[in-house]
Amino acid sequence: MKEILDDVERWREEGEQVVVATVVATRRSAPRPVGASLAISESGKMCGSVSGGCVESDVFENAMEVLATGEPKLLHYGITDDLAWSVGLPCGGEIDVFVEKVD
């Protein structure tokens, strides 16, 4: 979380709304540990990472929804045979990501 604080503070000082996505659980091989965070501003700026790039585009889309509605989301990412070609983690692990608007 420390890695994103300066950017989040700057964006908020500039008048932007910000969403923070945080890894809250991992199972098996996960690209980032619990506590890893990604911040997204309403203008689309990003800093940090929740997966090293595997699912950030989907987290971004969900973050835009959270900005619009104000409702937080809990997202789950993993890989199964049915989802092999959709957004997921190629490492075979699973992560849960909590996405919330910064007040």
PDB file of N, CA and C in Angstrom:
ATOM      1  N   MET A   1       0.815  -1.189   0.000  1.00  0.00           N
ATOM      2  CA  MET A   1       0.000   0.000   0.000  1.00  0.00           C
ATOM      3  C   MET A   1       0.864   1.260   0.000  1.00  0.00           C
ATOM      4  N   LYS A   2       2.022   1.194   0.658  1.00  0.00           N
ATOM      5  CA  LYS A   2       2.891   2.361   0.710  1.00  0.00           C
ATOM      6  C   LYS A   2       3.297   2.827  -0.682  1.00  0.00           C
ATOM      7  N   GLU A   3       3.465   1.872  -1.599  1.00  0.00           N
ATOM      8  CA  GLU A   3       3.941   2.220  -2.940  1.00  0.00           C
ATOM      9  C   GLU A   3       2.959   3.085  -3.721  1.00  0.00           C
ATOM     10  N   ILE A   4       1.696   3.129  -3.320  1.00  0.00           N
ATOM     11  CA  ILE A   4       0.699   3.910  -4.052  1.00  0.00           C
ATOM     12  C   ILE A   4       0.294   5.196  -3.337  1.00  0.00           C
ATOM     13  N   LEU A   5       0.680   5.358  -2.085  1.00  0.00           N
ATOM     14  CA  LEU A   5       0.181   6.485  -1.279  1.00  0.00           C
ATOM     15  C   LEU A   5       0.497   7.852  -1.868  1.00  0.00           C
ATOM     16  N   ASP A   6       1.708   8.062  -2.336  1.00  0.00           N
ATOM     17  CA  ASP A   6       2.066   9.374  -2.887  1.00  0.00           C
ATOM     18  C   ASP A   6       1.202   9.727  -4.091  1.00  0.00           C
ATOM     19  N   ASP A   7       1.008   8.756  -4.983  1.00  0.00           N
ATOM     20  CA  ASP A   7       0.179   9.017  -6.169  1.00  0.00           C
ATOM     21  C   ASP A   7      -1.275   9.268  -5.779  1.00  0.00           C
ATOM     22  N   VAL A   8      -1.807   8.471  -4.861  1.00  0.00           N
ATOM     23  CA  VAL A   8      -3.200   8.648  -4.428  1.00  0.00           C
ATOM     24  C   VAL A   8      -3.386  10.037  -3.823  1.00  0.00           C
ATOM     25  N   GLU A   9      -2.482  10.439  -2.961  1.00  0.00           N
ATOM     26  CA  GLU A   9      -2.576  11.769  -2.345  1.00  0.00           C
ATOM     27  C   GLU A   9      -2.520  12.870  -3.402  1.00  0.00           C
ATOM     28  N   ARG A  10      -1.606  12.741  -4.357  1.00  0.00           N
ATOM     29  CA  ARG A  10      -1.482  13.753  -5.411  1.00  0.00           C
ATOM     30  C   ARG A  10      -2.752  13.826  -6.253  1.00  0.00           C
ATOM     31  N   TRP A  11      -3.274  12.680  -6.655  1.00  0.00           N
ATOM     32  CA  TRP A  11      -4.491  12.677  -7.472  1.00  0.00           C
ATOM     33  C   TRP A  11      -5.655  13.316  -6.724  1.00  0.00           C
ATOM     34  N   ARG A  12      -5.786  13.005  -5.444  1.00  0.00           N
ATOM     35  CA  ARG A  12      -6.873  13.572  -4.643  1.00  0.00           C
ATOM     36  C   ARG A  12      -6.700  15.081  -4.486  1.00  0.00           C
ATOM     37  N   GLU A  13      -5.448  15.537  -4.304  1.00  0.00           N
ATOM     38  CA  GLU A  13      -5.184  16.976  -4.225  1.00  0.00           C
ATOM     39  C   GLU A  13      -5.538  17.673  -5.530  1.00  0.00           C
ATOM     40  N   GLU A  14      -5.414  16.959  -6.646  1.00  0.00           N
ATOM     41  CA  GLU A  14      -5.770  17.504  -7.958  1.00  0.00           C
ATOM     42  C   GLU A  14      -7.279  17.447  -8.206  1.00  0.00           C
ATOM     43  N   GLY A  15      -8.036  16.931  -7.233  1.00  0.00           N
ATOM     44  CA  GLY A  15      -9.492  16.892  -7.340  1.00  0.00           C
ATOM     45  C   GLY A  15     -10.065  15.632  -7.948  1.00  0.00           C
ATOM     46  N   GLU A  16      -9.228  14.623  -8.162  1.00  0.00           N
ATOM     47  CA  GLU A  16      -9.717  13.385  -8.761  1.00  0.00           C
ATOM     48  C   GLU A  16     -10.257  12.422  -7.714  1.00  0.00           C
ATOM     49  N   GLN A  17     -11.271  11.658  -8.105  1.00  0.00           N
ATOM     50  CA  GLN A  17     -11.726  10.542  -7.292  1.00  0.00           C
ATOM     51  C   GLN A  17     -10.780   9.368  -7.554  1.00  0.00           C
ATOM     52  N   VAL A  18     -10.622   8.514  -6.542  1.00  0.00           N
ATOM     53  CA  VAL A  18      -9.669   7.416  -6.652  1.00  0.00           C
ATOM     54  C   VAL A  18     -10.281   6.136  -6.100  1.00  0.00           C
ATOM     55  N   VAL A  19      -9.965   5.030  -6.752  1.00  0.00           N
ATOM     56  CA  VAL A  19     -10.356   3.700  -6.293  1.00  0.00           C
ATOM     57  C   VAL A  19      -9.071   2.932  -5.979  1.00  0.00           C
ATOM     58  N   VAL A  20      -9.110   2.147  -4.907  1.00  0.00           N
ATOM     59  CA  VAL A  20      -7.978   1.294  -4.562  1.00  0.00           C
ATOM     60  C   VAL A  20      -8.441  -0.159  -4.577  1.00  0.00           C
ATOM     61  N   ALA A  21      -7.697  -0.991  -5.274  1.00  0.00           N
ATOM     62  CA  ALA A  21      -7.937  -2.434  -5.324  1.00  0.00           C
ATOM     63  C   ALA A  21      -6.822  -3.093  -4.524  1.00  0.00           C
ATOM     64  N   THR A  22      -7.201  -3.986  -3.593  1.00  0.00           N
ATOM     65  CA  THR A  22      -6.230  -4.615  -2.708  1.00  0.00           C
ATOM     66  C   THR A  22      -6.404  -6.127  -2.712  1.00  0.00           C
ATOM     67  N   VAL A  23      -5.306  -6.855  -2.829  1.00  0.00           N
ATOM     68  CA  VAL A  23      -5.347  -8.314  -2.720  1.00  0.00           C
ATOM     69  C   VAL A  23      -5.665  -8.652  -1.265  1.00  0.00           C
ATOM     70  N   VAL A  24      -6.787  -9.356  -1.052  1.00  0.00           N
ATOM     71  CA  VAL A  24      -7.202  -9.699   0.314  1.00  0.00           C
ATOM     72  C   VAL A  24      -7.047 -11.187   0.621  1.00  0.00           C
ATOM     73  N   ALA A  25      -6.839 -12.012  -0.405  1.00  0.00           N
ATOM     74  CA  ALA A  25      -6.613 -13.447  -0.190  1.00  0.00           C
ATOM     75  C   ALA A  25      -5.893 -14.019  -1.396  1.00  0.00           C
ATOM     76  N   THR A  26      -5.048 -15.018  -1.142  1.00  0.00           N
ATOM     77  CA  THR A  26      -4.375 -15.748  -2.218  1.00  0.00           C
ATOM     78  C   THR A  26      -4.450 -17.231  -1.922  1.00  0.00           C
ATOM     79  N   ARG A  27      -4.438 -18.025  -2.989  1.00  0.00           N
ATOM     80  CA  ARG A  27      -4.393 -19.474  -2.867  1.00  0.00           C
ATOM     81  C   ARG A  27      -3.421 -19.994  -3.921  1.00  0.00           C
ATOM     82  N   ARG A  28      -2.637 -20.992  -3.523  1.00  0.00           N
ATOM     83  CA  ARG A  28      -1.600 -21.570  -4.382  1.00  0.00           C
ATOM     84  C   ARG A  28      -0.610 -20.503  -4.843  1.00  0.00           C
ATOM     85  N   SER A  29      -0.120 -20.612  -6.036  1.00  0.00           N
ATOM     86  CA  SER A  29       0.887 -19.688  -6.553  1.00  0.00           C
ATOM     87  C   SER A  29       0.218 -18.383  -6.988  1.00  0.00           C
ATOM     88  N   ALA A  30       0.519 -17.302  -6.284  1.00  0.00           N
ATOM     89  CA  ALA A  30      -0.072 -16.007  -6.617  1.00  0.00           C
ATOM     90  C   ALA A  30       1.035 -15.023  -6.989  1.00  0.00           C
ATOM     91  N   PRO A  31       0.785 -14.166  -7.978  1.00  0.00           N
ATOM     92  CA  PRO A  31       1.822 -13.255  -8.440  1.00  0.00           C
ATOM     93  C   PRO A  31       2.172 -12.152  -7.449  1.00  0.00           C
ATOM     94  N   ARG A  32       1.223 -11.741  -6.594  1.00  0.00           N
ATOM     95  CA  ARG A  32       1.465 -10.694  -5.607  1.00  0.00           C
ATOM     96  C   ARG A  32       0.891 -11.143  -4.271  1.00  0.00           C
ATOM     97  N   PRO A  33       1.453 -10.687  -3.163  1.00  0.00           N
ATOM     98  CA  PRO A  33       0.990 -11.123  -1.839  1.00  0.00           C
ATOM     99  C   PRO A  33      -0.257 -10.374  -1.369  1.00  0.00           C
ATOM    100  N   VAL A  34      -0.884 -10.902  -0.326  1.00  0.00           N
ATOM    101  CA  VAL A  34      -1.979 -10.193   0.330  1.00  0.00           C
ATOM    102  C   VAL A  34      -1.470  -8.808   0.726  1.00  0.00           C
ATOM    103  N   GLY A  35      -2.277  -7.803   0.480  1.00  0.00           N
ATOM    104  CA  GLY A  35      -1.898  -6.421   0.779  1.00  0.00           C
ATOM    105  C   GLY A  35      -1.405  -5.648  -0.426  1.00  0.00           C
ATOM    106  N   ALA A  36      -1.049  -6.332  -1.512  1.00  0.00           N
ATOM    107  CA  ALA A  36      -0.625  -5.634  -2.728  1.00  0.00           C
ATOM    108  C   ALA A  36      -1.793  -4.801  -3.239  1.00  0.00           C
ATOM    109  N   SER A  37      -1.500  -3.584  -3.689  1.00  0.00           N
ATOM    110  CA  SER A  37      -2.575  -2.666  -4.074  1.00  0.00           C
ATOM    111  C   SER A  37      -2.325  -2.022  -5.426  1.00  0.00           C
ATOM    112  N   LEU A  38      -3.432  -1.660  -6.062  1.00  0.00           N
ATOM    113  CA  LEU A  38      -3.450  -0.943  -7.328  1.00  0.00           C
ATOM    114  C   LEU A  38      -4.395   0.230  -7.149  1.00  0.00           C
ATOM    115  N   ALA A  39      -3.934   1.444  -7.443  1.00  0.00           N
ATOM    116  CA  ALA A  39      -4.790   2.626  -7.369  1.00  0.00           C
ATOM    117  C   ALA A  39      -5.129   3.072  -8.782  1.00  0.00           C
ATOM    118  N   ILE A  40      -6.374   3.532  -8.947  1.00  0.00           N
ATOM    119  CA  ILE A  40      -6.852   3.976 -10.251  1.00  0.00           C
ATOM    120  C   ILE A  40      -7.606   5.280 -10.062  1.00  0.00           C
ATOM    121  N   SER A  41      -7.223   6.305 -10.820  1.00  0.00           N
ATOM    122  CA  SER A  41      -7.894   7.599 -10.729  1.00  0.00           C
ATOM    123  C   SER A  41      -9.052   7.642 -11.722  1.00  0.00           C
ATOM    124  N   GLU A  42      -9.949   8.596 -11.520  1.00  0.00           N
ATOM    125  CA  GLU A  42     -11.092   8.698 -12.423  1.00  0.00           C
ATOM    126  C   GLU A  42     -10.683   9.047 -13.851  1.00  0.00           C
ATOM    127  N   SER A  43      -9.501   9.643 -14.026  1.00  0.00           N
ATOM    128  CA  SER A  43      -9.035   9.953 -15.379  1.00  0.00           C
ATOM    129  C   SER A  43      -8.277   8.786 -16.014  1.00  0.00           C
ATOM    130  N   GLY A  44      -8.155   7.670 -15.260  1.00  0.00           N
ATOM    131  CA  GLY A  44      -7.538   6.471 -15.818  1.00  0.00           C
ATOM    132  C   GLY A  44      -6.085   6.255 -15.472  1.00  0.00           C
ATOM    133  N   LYS A  45      -5.510   7.105 -14.636  1.00  0.00           N
ATOM    134  CA  LYS A  45      -4.127   6.882 -14.208  1.00  0.00           C
ATOM    135  C   LYS A  45      -4.087   5.690 -13.259  1.00  0.00           C
ATOM    136  N   MET A  46      -2.996   4.934 -13.318  1.00  0.00           N
ATOM    137  CA  MET A  46      -2.845   3.754 -12.474  1.00  0.00           C
ATOM    138  C   MET A  46      -1.460   3.721 -11.848  1.00  0.00           C
ATOM    139  N   CYS A  47      -1.388   3.163 -10.640  1.00  0.00           N
ATOM    140  CA  CYS A  47      -0.102   2.893 -10.005  1.00  0.00           C
ATOM    141  C   CYS A  47      -0.257   1.669  -9.119  1.00  0.00           C
ATOM    142  N   GLY A  48       0.833   0.938  -8.929  1.00  0.00           N
ATOM    143  CA  GLY A  48       0.793  -0.291  -8.147  1.00  0.00           C
ATOM    144  C   GLY A  48       0.393  -1.466  -9.005  1.00  0.00           C
ATOM    145  N   SER A  49       0.142  -2.604  -8.349  1.00  0.00           N
ATOM    146  CA  SER A  49      -0.221  -3.818  -9.071  1.00  0.00           C
ATOM    147  C   SER A  49      -0.834  -4.832  -8.112  1.00  0.00           C
ATOM    148  N   VAL A  50      -1.833  -5.556  -8.605  1.00  0.00           N
ATOM    149  CA  VAL A  50      -2.406  -6.652  -7.820  1.00  0.00           C
ATOM    150  C   VAL A  50      -2.036  -8.014  -8.383  1.00  0.00           C
ATOM    151  N   SER A  51      -1.479  -8.032  -9.614  1.00  0.00           N
ATOM    152  CA  SER A  51      -1.178  -9.334 -10.218  1.00  0.00           C
ATOM    153  C   SER A  51       0.014  -9.325 -11.160  1.00  0.00           C
ATOM    154  N   GLY A  52       0.752  -8.259 -11.186  1.00  0.00           N
ATOM    155  CA  GLY A  52       1.867  -8.215 -12.129  1.00  0.00           C
ATOM    156  C   GLY A  52       1.411  -8.091 -13.569  1.00  0.00           C
ATOM    157  N   GLY A  53       0.164  -7.698 -13.784  1.00  0.00           N
ATOM    158  CA  GLY A  53      -0.343  -7.460 -15.132  1.00  0.00           C
ATOM    159  C   GLY A  53      -1.380  -8.442 -15.632  1.00  0.00           C
ATOM    160  N   CYS A  54      -1.558  -9.576 -14.967  1.00  0.00           N
ATOM    161  CA  CYS A  54      -2.471 -10.613 -15.455  1.00  0.00           C
ATOM    162  C   CYS A  54      -3.933 -10.177 -15.486  1.00  0.00           C
ATOM    163  N   VAL A  55      -4.378  -9.454 -14.471  1.00  0.00           N
ATOM    164  CA  VAL A  55      -5.808  -9.122 -14.369  1.00  0.00           C
ATOM    165  C   VAL A  55      -6.067  -7.624 -14.241  1.00  0.00           C
ATOM    166  N   GLU A  56      -5.039  -6.808 -14.355  1.00  0.00           N
ATOM    167  CA  GLU A  56      -5.206  -5.378 -14.138  1.00  0.00           C
ATOM    168  C   GLU A  56      -6.261  -4.744 -15.048  1.00  0.00           C
ATOM    169  N   SER A  57      -6.368  -5.184 -16.291  1.00  0.00           N
ATOM    170  CA  SER A  57      -7.359  -4.578 -17.185  1.00  0.00           C
ATOM    171  C   SER A  57      -8.786  -4.830 -16.684  1.00  0.00           C
ATOM    172  N   ASP A  58      -9.046  -6.016 -16.157  1.00  0.00           N
ATOM    173  CA  ASP A  58     -10.372  -6.301 -15.621  1.00  0.00           C
ATOM    174  C   ASP A  58     -10.606  -5.537 -14.319  1.00  0.00           C
ATOM    175  N   VAL A  59      -9.591  -5.439 -13.481  1.00  0.00           N
ATOM    176  CA  VAL A  59      -9.714  -4.657 -12.242  1.00  0.00           C
ATOM    177  C   VAL A  59     -10.006  -3.204 -12.605  1.00  0.00           C
ATOM    178  N   PHE A  60      -9.358  -2.683 -13.636  1.00  0.00           N
ATOM    179  CA  PHE A  60      -9.604  -1.311 -14.096  1.00  0.00           C
ATOM    180  C   PHE A  60     -11.076  -1.121 -14.452  1.00  0.00           C
ATOM    181  N   GLU A  61     -11.632  -2.043 -15.236  1.00  0.00           N
ATOM    182  CA  GLU A  61     -13.040  -1.938 -15.638  1.00  0.00           C
ATOM    183  C   GLU A  61     -13.961  -1.952 -14.417  1.00  0.00           C
ATOM    184  N   ASN A  62     -13.678  -2.823 -13.473  1.00  0.00           N
ATOM    185  CA  ASN A  62     -14.478  -2.880 -12.247  1.00  0.00           C
ATOM    186  C   ASN A  62     -14.300  -1.622 -11.409  1.00  0.00           C
ATOM    187  N   ALA A  63     -13.094  -1.063 -11.392  1.00  0.00           N
ATOM    188  CA  ALA A  63     -12.839   0.171 -10.653  1.00  0.00           C
ATOM    189  C   ALA A  63     -13.666   1.324 -11.204  1.00  0.00           C
ATOM    190  N   MET A  64     -13.821   1.381 -12.516  1.00  0.00           N
ATOM    191  CA  MET A  64     -14.647   2.431 -13.117  1.00  0.00           C
ATOM    192  C   MET A  64     -16.105   2.292 -12.672  1.00  0.00           C
ATOM    193  N   GLU A  65     -16.577   1.054 -12.543  1.00  0.00           N
ATOM    194  CA  GLU A  65     -17.940   0.818 -12.037  1.00  0.00           C
ATOM    195  C   GLU A  65     -18.058   1.259 -10.585  1.00  0.00           C
ATOM    196  N   VAL A  66     -17.045   0.965  -9.779  1.00  0.00           N
ATOM    197  CA  VAL A  66     -17.056   1.371  -8.371  1.00  0.00           C
ATOM    198  C   VAL A  66     -17.068   2.899  -8.276  1.00  0.00           C
ATOM    199  N   LEU A  67     -16.306   3.572  -9.123  1.00  0.00           N
ATOM    200  CA  LEU A  67     -16.338   5.037  -9.142  1.00  0.00           C
ATOM    201  C   LEU A  67     -17.738   5.554  -9.464  1.00  0.00           C
ATOM    202  N   ALA A  68     -18.387   4.924 -10.432  1.00  0.00           N
ATOM    203  CA  ALA A  68     -19.716   5.378 -10.861  1.00  0.00           C
ATOM    204  C   ALA A  68     -20.793   5.121  -9.818  1.00  0.00           C
ATOM    205  N   THR A  69     -20.715   3.973  -9.147  1.00  0.00           N
ATOM    206  CA  THR A  69     -21.788   3.590  -8.228  1.00  0.00           C
ATOM    207  C   THR A  69     -21.470   3.866  -6.760  1.00  0.00           C
ATOM    208  N   GLY A  70     -20.186   3.916  -6.434  1.00  0.00           N
ATOM    209  CA  GLY A  70     -19.787   4.056  -5.036  1.00  0.00           C
ATOM    210  C   GLY A  70     -19.852   2.756  -4.255  1.00  0.00           C
ATOM    211  N   GLU A  71     -20.297   1.675  -4.912  1.00  0.00           N
ATOM    212  CA  GLU A  71     -20.425   0.370  -4.267  1.00  0.00           C
ATOM    213  C   GLU A  71     -19.146  -0.436  -4.423  1.00  0.00           C
ATOM    214  N   PRO A  72     -18.528  -0.863  -3.310  1.00  0.00           N
ATOM    215  CA  PRO A  72     -17.308  -1.680  -3.413  1.00  0.00           C
ATOM    216  C   PRO A  72     -17.610  -3.049  -4.012  1.00  0.00           C
ATOM    217  N   LYS A  73     -16.567  -3.709  -4.487  1.00  0.00           N
ATOM    218  CA  LYS A  73     -16.701  -5.040  -5.088  1.00  0.00           C
ATOM    219  C   LYS A  73     -15.605  -5.957  -4.568  1.00  0.00           C
ATOM    220  N   LEU A  74     -15.943  -7.236  -4.445  1.00  0.00           N
ATOM    221  CA  LEU A  74     -14.959  -8.267  -4.163  1.00  0.00           C
ATOM    222  C   LEU A  74     -14.843  -9.117  -5.415  1.00  0.00           C
ATOM    223  N   LEU A  75     -13.659  -9.142  -6.010  1.00  0.00           N
ATOM    224  CA  LEU A  75     -13.421  -9.858  -7.262  1.00  0.00           C
ATOM    225  C   LEU A  75     -12.595 -11.105  -6.990  1.00  0.00           C
ATOM    226  N   HIS A  76     -12.846 -12.143  -7.770  1.00  0.00           N
ATOM    227  CA  HIS A  76     -12.092 -13.388  -7.645  1.00  0.00           C
ATOM    228  C   HIS A  76     -11.474 -13.717  -8.998  1.00  0.00           C
ATOM    229  N   TYR A  77     -10.187 -14.037  -8.983  1.00  0.00           N
ATOM    230  CA  TYR A  77      -9.491 -14.429 -10.206  1.00  0.00           C
ATOM    231  C   TYR A  77      -8.750 -15.732  -9.970  1.00  0.00           C
ATOM    232  N   GLY A  78      -8.814 -16.589 -10.955  1.00  0.00           N
ATOM    233  CA  GLY A  78      -8.116 -17.861 -10.927  1.00  0.00           C
ATOM    234  C   GLY A  78      -8.102 -18.398 -12.338  1.00  0.00           C
ATOM    235  N   ILE A  79      -7.851 -19.667 -12.469  1.00  0.00           N
ATOM    236  CA  ILE A  79      -7.860 -20.287 -13.798  1.00  0.00           C
ATOM    237  C   ILE A  79      -8.523 -21.646 -13.689  1.00  0.00           C
ATOM    238  N   THR A  80      -9.458 -21.893 -14.582  1.00  0.00           N
ATOM    239  CA  THR A  80     -10.093 -23.200 -14.690  1.00  0.00           C
ATOM    240  C   THR A  80     -10.135 -23.560 -16.168  1.00  0.00           C
ATOM    241  N   ASP A  81     -10.427 -24.795 -16.472  1.00  0.00           N
ATOM    242  CA  ASP A  81     -10.519 -25.194 -17.884  1.00  0.00           C
ATOM    243  C   ASP A  81     -11.562 -24.374 -18.622  1.00  0.00           C
ATOM    244  N   ASP A  82     -12.683 -24.076 -17.963  1.00  0.00           N
ATOM    245  CA  ASP A  82     -13.751 -23.302 -18.599  1.00  0.00           C
ATOM    246  C   ASP A  82     -13.335 -21.866 -18.876  1.00  0.00           C
ATOM    247  N   LEU A  83     -12.423 -21.340 -18.073  1.00  0.00           N
ATOM    248  CA  LEU A  83     -12.041 -19.942 -18.192  1.00  0.00           C
ATOM    249  C   LEU A  83     -10.668 -19.751 -18.807  1.00  0.00           C
ATOM    250  N   ALA A  84     -10.129 -20.766 -19.408  1.00  0.00           N
ATOM    251  CA  ALA A  84      -8.746 -20.723 -19.877  1.00  0.00           C
ATOM    252  C   ALA A  84      -8.460 -19.557 -20.818  1.00  0.00           C
ATOM    253  N   TRP A  85      -9.445 -19.091 -21.553  1.00  0.00           N
ATOM    254  CA  TRP A  85      -9.206 -18.012 -22.505  1.00  0.00           C
ATOM    255  C   TRP A  85      -9.759 -16.676 -22.030  1.00  0.00           C
ATOM    256  N   SER A  86     -10.254 -16.599 -20.810  1.00  0.00           N
ATOM    257  CA  SER A  86     -10.734 -15.316 -20.286  1.00  0.00           C
ATOM    258  C   SER A  86      -9.697 -14.744 -19.327  1.00  0.00           C
ATOM    259  N   VAL A  87     -10.058 -13.654 -18.659  1.00  0.00           N
ATOM    260  CA  VAL A  87      -9.141 -13.021 -17.721  1.00  0.00           C
ATOM    261  C   VAL A  87      -8.857 -13.965 -16.573  1.00  0.00           C
ATOM    262  N   GLY A  88      -7.612 -14.181 -16.260  1.00  0.00           N
ATOM    263  CA  GLY A  88      -7.260 -15.080 -15.172  1.00  0.00           C
ATOM    264  C   GLY A  88      -5.779 -15.050 -14.886  1.00  0.00           C
ATOM    265  N   LEU A  89      -5.372 -15.955 -14.029  1.00  0.00           N
ATOM    266  CA  LEU A  89      -3.973 -16.040 -13.628  1.00  0.00           C
ATOM    267  C   LEU A  89      -3.327 -17.263 -14.264  1.00  0.00           C
ATOM    268  N   PRO A  90      -2.406 -17.086 -15.184  1.00  0.00           N
ATOM    269  CA  PRO A  90      -1.772 -18.222 -15.839  1.00  0.00           C
ATOM    270  C   PRO A  90      -0.872 -19.024 -14.898  1.00  0.00           C
ATOM    271  N   CYS A  91      -0.553 -18.468 -13.718  1.00  0.00           N
ATOM    272  CA  CYS A  91       0.330 -19.164 -12.787  1.00  0.00           C
ATOM    273  C   CYS A  91      -0.378 -20.309 -12.062  1.00  0.00           C
ATOM    274  N   GLY A  92      -1.712 -20.396 -12.216  1.00  0.00           N
ATOM    275  CA  GLY A  92      -2.450 -21.468 -11.564  1.00  0.00           C
ATOM    276  C   GLY A  92      -2.953 -21.121 -10.183  1.00  0.00           C
ATOM    277  N   GLY A  93      -2.641 -19.941  -9.708  1.00  0.00           N
ATOM    278  CA  GLY A  93      -3.112 -19.522  -8.392  1.00  0.00           C
ATOM    279  C   GLY A  93      -4.462 -18.845  -8.454  1.00  0.00           C
ATOM    280  N   GLU A  94      -4.889 -18.357  -7.312  1.00  0.00           N
ATOM    281  CA  GLU A  94      -6.143 -17.618  -7.204  1.00  0.00           C
ATOM    282  C   GLU A  94      -5.906 -16.420  -6.304  1.00  0.00           C
ATOM    283  N   ILE A  95      -6.570 -15.312  -6.630  1.00  0.00           N
ATOM    284  CA  ILE A  95      -6.536 -14.142  -5.761  1.00  0.00           C
ATOM    285  C   ILE A  95      -7.935 -13.561  -5.627  1.00  0.00           C
ATOM    286  N   ASP A  96      -8.190 -12.960  -4.475  1.00  0.00           N
ATOM    287  CA  ASP A  96      -9.397 -12.175  -4.253  1.00  0.00           C
ATOM    288  C   ASP A  96      -8.947 -10.734  -4.109  1.00  0.00           C
ATOM    289  N   VAL A  97      -9.647  -9.832  -4.793  1.00  0.00           N
ATOM    290  CA  VAL A  97      -9.279  -8.427  -4.810  1.00  0.00           C
ATOM    291  C   VAL A  97     -10.490  -7.607  -4.386  1.00  0.00           C
ATOM    292  N   PHE A  98     -10.308  -6.780  -3.352  1.00  0.00           N
ATOM    293  CA  PHE A  98     -11.363  -5.890  -2.882  1.00  0.00           C
ATOM    294  C   PHE A  98     -11.139  -4.523  -3.493  1.00  0.00           C
ATOM    295  N   VAL A  99     -12.178  -3.991  -4.160  1.00  0.00           N
ATOM    296  CA  VAL A  99     -12.088  -2.720  -4.861  1.00  0.00           C
ATOM    297  C   VAL A  99     -13.023  -1.730  -4.159  1.00  0.00           C
ATOM    298  N   GLU A 100     -12.454  -0.599  -3.716  1.00  0.00           N
ATOM    299  CA  GLU A 100     -13.267   0.392  -3.009  1.00  0.00           C
ATOM    300  C   GLU A 100     -12.826   1.800  -3.360  1.00  0.00           C
ATOM    301  N   LYS A 101     -13.788   2.711  -3.281  1.00  0.00           N
ATOM    302  CA  LYS A 101     -13.542   4.113  -3.518  1.00  0.00           C
ATOM    303  C   LYS A 101     -12.880   4.713  -2.279  1.00  0.00           C
ATOM    304  N   VAL A 102     -11.891   5.575  -2.491  1.00  0.00           N
ATOM    305  CA  VAL A 102     -11.215   6.246  -1.394  1.00  0.00           C
ATOM    306  C   VAL A 102     -12.030   7.483  -1.033  1.00  0.00           C
ATOM    307  N   ASP A 103     -12.406   7.586   0.246  1.00  0.00           N
ATOM    308  CA  ASP A 103     -13.160   8.770   0.693  1.00  0.00           C
ATOM    309  C   ASP A 103     -12.249   9.749   1.375  1.00  0.00           C
TER     310      ASP A 103
END
